[in-house]
Protein backbone atom coordinates (compact mmCIF):
# COMPACT_ATOMS: atom_id res chain seq x y z
CA MET A 1 58.52 335.35 -4.29
CA LEU A 2 60.54 334.20 -7.50
CA GLY A 3 59.24 332.33 -9.97
CA ILE A 4 60.90 330.57 -12.50
CA VAL A 5 61.73 329.84 -15.67
CA VAL A 6 58.52 328.52 -18.19
CA LYS A 7 59.11 327.57 -21.59
CA LEU A 8 55.87 328.89 -24.19
CA TYR A 9 54.88 327.16 -27.72
CA GLU A 10 52.77 330.07 -28.75
CA GLN A 11 50.68 329.16 -31.93
CA ILE A 12 51.79 331.62 -34.56
CA GLN A 13 49.42 332.40 -38.32
CA SER A 14 52.16 332.13 -40.03
CA GLY A 15 50.09 331.96 -43.88
CA THR A 16 46.67 330.70 -44.68
CA ASP A 17 46.91 327.14 -46.78
CA PRO A 18 44.93 327.12 -50.46
CA LEU A 19 41.57 325.80 -48.88
CA ASN A 20 42.07 329.28 -47.21
CA HIS A 21 43.23 328.04 -43.56
CA PRO A 22 44.90 329.31 -41.09
CA ILE A 23 49.02 327.97 -40.58
CA TYR A 24 50.19 328.17 -37.62
CA THR A 25 53.87 328.13 -36.84
CA THR A 26 54.95 327.14 -33.23
CA ASN A 27 57.68 330.08 -31.19
CA PRO A 28 58.96 329.15 -28.43
CA THR A 29 59.30 331.37 -25.91
CA ASP A 30 61.01 331.51 -22.54
CA VAL A 31 58.89 333.67 -19.96
CA GLU A 32 60.20 334.48 -16.47
CA ASN A 33 58.76 335.08 -12.73
CA VAL A 34 56.11 331.64 -13.79
CA LEU A 35 54.86 330.87 -10.66
CA VAL A 36 53.70 327.87 -9.72
CA ALA A 37 52.04 325.99 -7.26
CA PRO A 38 49.77 322.41 -7.26
CA LEU A 39 45.93 322.41 -7.18
CA GLY A 40 44.86 320.75 -4.12
CA ASP A 41 42.59 317.71 -3.89
CA THR A 42 39.12 319.40 -4.12
CA GLU A 43 39.91 321.49 -6.51
CA ILE A 44 41.21 319.13 -9.03
CA LEU A 45 37.82 317.33 -9.23
CA GLU A 46 36.11 320.31 -9.18
CA ILE A 47 38.19 321.05 -12.83
CA TYR A 48 38.01 317.25 -13.47
CA ASN A 49 33.33 317.54 -13.28
CA LEU A 50 33.30 320.17 -15.21
CA THR A 51 35.59 319.85 -18.46
CA GLY A 52 37.01 316.23 -18.10
CA ARG A 53 40.30 317.14 -17.77
CA ARG A 54 42.75 316.92 -15.05
CA ALA A 55 44.73 319.41 -13.65
CA GLU A 56 47.58 319.07 -11.78
CA TYR A 57 49.88 323.43 -11.66
CA GLN A 58 48.62 326.20 -11.98
CA LEU A 59 50.80 329.21 -12.89
CA GLY A 60 50.74 332.56 -11.90
CA ILE A 61 51.34 334.96 -14.99
CA PRO A 62 53.93 337.86 -14.08
CA LYS A 63 51.71 341.62 -14.47
CA GLY A 64 52.19 343.40 -18.08
CA ASP A 65 52.88 339.83 -19.54
CA THR A 66 51.71 340.25 -23.28
CA HIS A 67 51.71 336.26 -24.60
CA ASN A 68 49.09 334.18 -25.62
CA TRP A 69 48.30 332.17 -22.60
CA GLU A 70 44.89 330.23 -24.58
CA SER A 71 43.88 326.96 -23.97
CA GLY A 72 45.24 324.58 -25.61
CA SER A 73 48.40 326.11 -25.80
CA LYS A 74 51.72 323.88 -24.69
CA VAL A 75 54.09 325.08 -22.18
CA SER A 76 57.38 323.23 -20.26
CA PHE A 77 59.01 323.40 -17.10
CA PHE A 78 60.41 320.49 -14.43
CA GLY A 79 61.96 318.35 -17.39
CA LYS A 80 58.20 318.01 -18.59
CA ASP A 81 55.27 318.99 -20.64
CA TRP A 82 51.67 320.26 -19.89
CA ARG A 83 48.77 321.37 -21.98
CA ILE A 84 47.06 325.05 -20.77
CA ILE A 85 43.28 324.09 -19.95
CA GLY A 86 40.14 326.96 -20.43
CA LEU A 87 41.66 330.75 -20.46
CA PRO A 88 43.19 333.02 -18.20
CA THR A 89 41.70 333.94 -15.53
CA GLU A 90 42.69 337.80 -14.88
CA GLY A 91 43.00 340.67 -12.81
CA ILE A 92 43.19 343.73 -11.95
CA ASP A 93 46.80 345.00 -12.00
CA LYS A 94 46.73 348.04 -9.33
CA LEU A 95 44.37 345.84 -6.89
CA ILE A 96 47.04 343.04 -6.58
CA PRO A 97 49.38 344.00 -4.37
CA LEU A 98 52.14 341.17 -6.26
CA SER A 99 53.68 340.68 -9.54
CA TRP A 100 51.36 338.72 -10.79
CA ASN A 101 48.63 339.22 -12.22
CA LYS A 102 47.09 336.00 -13.88
CA LYS A 103 46.06 332.90 -13.84
CA VAL A 104 46.39 329.43 -16.04
CA ARG A 105 45.94 325.79 -15.14
CA VAL A 106 47.44 322.85 -16.69
CA GLU A 107 47.93 318.93 -17.14
CA ARG A 108 49.89 316.84 -18.09
CA TYR A 109 50.49 316.74 -21.74
CA GLU A 110 51.77 314.09 -23.09
CA GLN A 111 52.89 313.61 -27.43
CA GLY A 112 51.97 310.37 -29.07
């Protein structure tokens, strides 16, 4: 199995404003070998009932990846933009036989 390249837009703190609130810049990064799988209807409904958000895909993040995959981060793949829902779920590398040990779910994101 081989994943695709996904563009992750990480928010990196670049300073603070006069009121000492953090200022962030967006750093687009290509992450290779990310698995992309559509969610089933039951899982979509469960996530919607828990969070009020409509997840569409689950991403498998490769082992050793150190990027920030937390809620609200933007990702791009299949020519569309997506927003991460919730926190990543991570397993123990040595107990997982394949190349991916972390999962995140994403919803469609459209800038307005």
